[in-house]
Protein backbone atom coordinates (compact mmCIF):
# COMPACT_ATOMS: atom_id res chain seq x y z
CA MET A 1 15.04 -5.29 -2.48
CA LYS A 2 13.11 -6.07 -6.46
CA GLU A 3 12.83 -9.01 -5.41
CA ASN A 4 10.89 -8.59 -2.52
CA TYR A 5 8.46 -6.36 -3.80
CA LEU A 6 6.03 -9.30 -4.80
CA ARG A 7 6.28 -10.90 -0.85
CA ARG A 8 6.11 -7.44 0.48
CA ALA A 9 2.89 -6.34 -1.25
CA ARG A 10 1.11 -9.81 -0.48
CA ARG A 11 2.15 -9.27 3.40
CA GLY A 12 0.31 -5.76 2.71
CA MET A 13 -2.50 -7.19 1.34
CA ARG A 14 -3.24 -9.38 4.30
CA LEU A 15 -2.84 -6.68 6.61
CA MET A 16 -4.81 -4.60 5.13
CA THR A 17 -7.31 -6.89 4.10
CA ALA A 18 -7.28 -8.10 8.10
CA LYS A 19 -8.09 -4.52 9.26
CA LYS A 20 -10.80 -3.10 6.28
CA GLY A 21 -12.01 -6.83 5.25
CA LYS A 22 -11.92 -7.98 2.25
CA GLY A 23 -14.67 -5.28 0.31
CA TRP A 24 -11.09 -3.01 0.24
CA VAL A 25 -9.91 -4.71 -3.20
CA ASP A 26 -13.38 -3.45 -5.34
CA SER A 27 -13.46 -0.44 -3.69
CA PHE A 28 -10.08 0.50 -4.53
CA ASP A 29 -9.66 3.09 -7.59
CA LEU A 30 -6.75 1.87 -9.54
CA ASP A 31 -7.19 4.62 -12.08
CA THR A 32 -6.18 7.05 -9.27
CA PHE A 33 -3.87 4.51 -7.71
CA ASP A 34 -0.02 6.40 -7.25
CA VAL A 35 1.79 4.07 -5.10
CA THR A 36 4.23 7.48 -4.74
CA LYS A 37 1.26 9.60 -3.33
CA PRO A 38 -0.05 9.48 0.18
CA TRP A 39 -3.35 10.21 -0.97
CA ASP A 40 -3.82 7.89 -3.81
CA CYS A 41 -1.70 5.26 -2.63
CA VAL A 42 -2.83 1.80 -0.80
CA VAL A 43 -2.99 3.19 2.65
CA GLY A 44 -4.32 6.90 1.47
CA GLN A 45 -7.30 5.37 -0.64
CA ASN A 46 -8.26 2.83 2.38
CA TYR A 47 -8.41 6.22 4.74
CA GLY A 48 -9.55 8.80 3.23
CA GLY A 49 -7.74 9.72 0.44
CA GLN A 50 -6.20 12.63 1.94
CA SER A 51 -2.61 12.57 3.18
CA GLY A 52 -3.41 13.73 6.94
CA ASN A 53 -5.37 10.21 6.67
CA TYR A 54 -2.33 8.46 5.40
CA LEU A 55 -1.30 8.96 8.73
CA ASP A 56 -4.13 8.15 10.28
CA GLY A 57 -4.06 4.56 8.18
CA MET A 58 -0.49 4.14 9.46
CA GLU A 59 -1.48 4.31 12.91
CA ASP A 60 -4.86 1.90 12.54
CA LEU A 61 -2.19 -0.58 10.98
CA PHE A 62 0.98 -0.62 12.86
CA GLY A 63 -0.01 1.46 16.16
CA ARG A 64 0.21 4.35 17.80
CA GLY A 65 3.92 6.35 18.51
CA LEU A 66 5.77 3.88 16.01
CA HIS A 67 7.91 4.83 13.26
CA TYR A 68 6.04 3.73 10.70
CA PHE A 69 8.32 4.14 7.50
CA ASP A 70 10.20 1.09 8.10
CA LEU A 71 7.12 -1.01 8.87
CA ALA A 72 5.39 0.57 5.57
CA MET A 73 8.34 -0.65 3.64
CA ASP A 74 8.22 -4.58 5.19
CA TYR A 75 4.71 -4.06 3.84
CA GLY A 76 4.97 -2.78 0.48
CA PHE A 77 3.68 0.57 1.37
CA GLU A 78 6.80 2.30 1.26
CA LEU A 79 10.46 2.36 -0.59
CA PRO A 80 13.29 3.73 0.39
CA ARG A 81 13.83 7.46 -0.10
CA THR A 82 16.99 6.68 -2.20
CA ALA A 83 14.54 4.62 -4.74
CA SER A 84 14.68 5.43 -8.28
CA ALA A 85 11.42 6.15 -10.53
CA ALA A 86 11.62 3.29 -11.62
CA ASP A 87 11.67 1.06 -8.57
CA TRP A 88 8.42 2.78 -7.49
CA ALA A 89 6.97 1.93 -11.03
CA ARG A 90 7.86 -1.97 -10.09
CA LEU A 91 6.29 -1.39 -6.98
CA GLN A 92 3.00 0.11 -8.77
CA THR A 93 2.72 -2.90 -11.24
CA VAL A 94 3.02 -5.36 -8.39
CA TRP A 95 0.22 -3.58 -6.44
CA VAL A 96 -2.10 -3.27 -9.84
CA ASN A 97 -1.06 -7.17 -10.64
CA LEU A 98 -2.22 -8.50 -7.26
CA ILE A 99 -5.43 -5.94 -6.64
CA LYS A 100 -6.25 -7.48 -10.42
CA GLN A 101 -6.09 -10.61 -9.13
CA ALA A 102 -7.71 -10.35 -6.13
CA ARG A 103 -10.86 -9.29 -7.55
CA GLN A 104 -11.20 -12.11 -9.69
CA PRO A 105 -13.36 -14.86 -8.95
């Protein structure tokens, strides 16, 4: 899965931009960003910063009544439950780099 982090996160960026507009990248707080926490991850920050809003965000992104976990992995928002701390750190780095790149003029 390591080689898929960038591809998946790019897909997640496109989806988030389609749903939230281009401005989400500029208002995203990289200082508090933590891909492992529902309130500080990409989805959590864009949907209110609380864990309950993570689920609201998943419904907005993927629709109601769906099993979000597999879809969230396809978009770089989640990793399998068996992922190591190193895997999460790689995904975090990918997201940080993509957001920084998107902020450049």
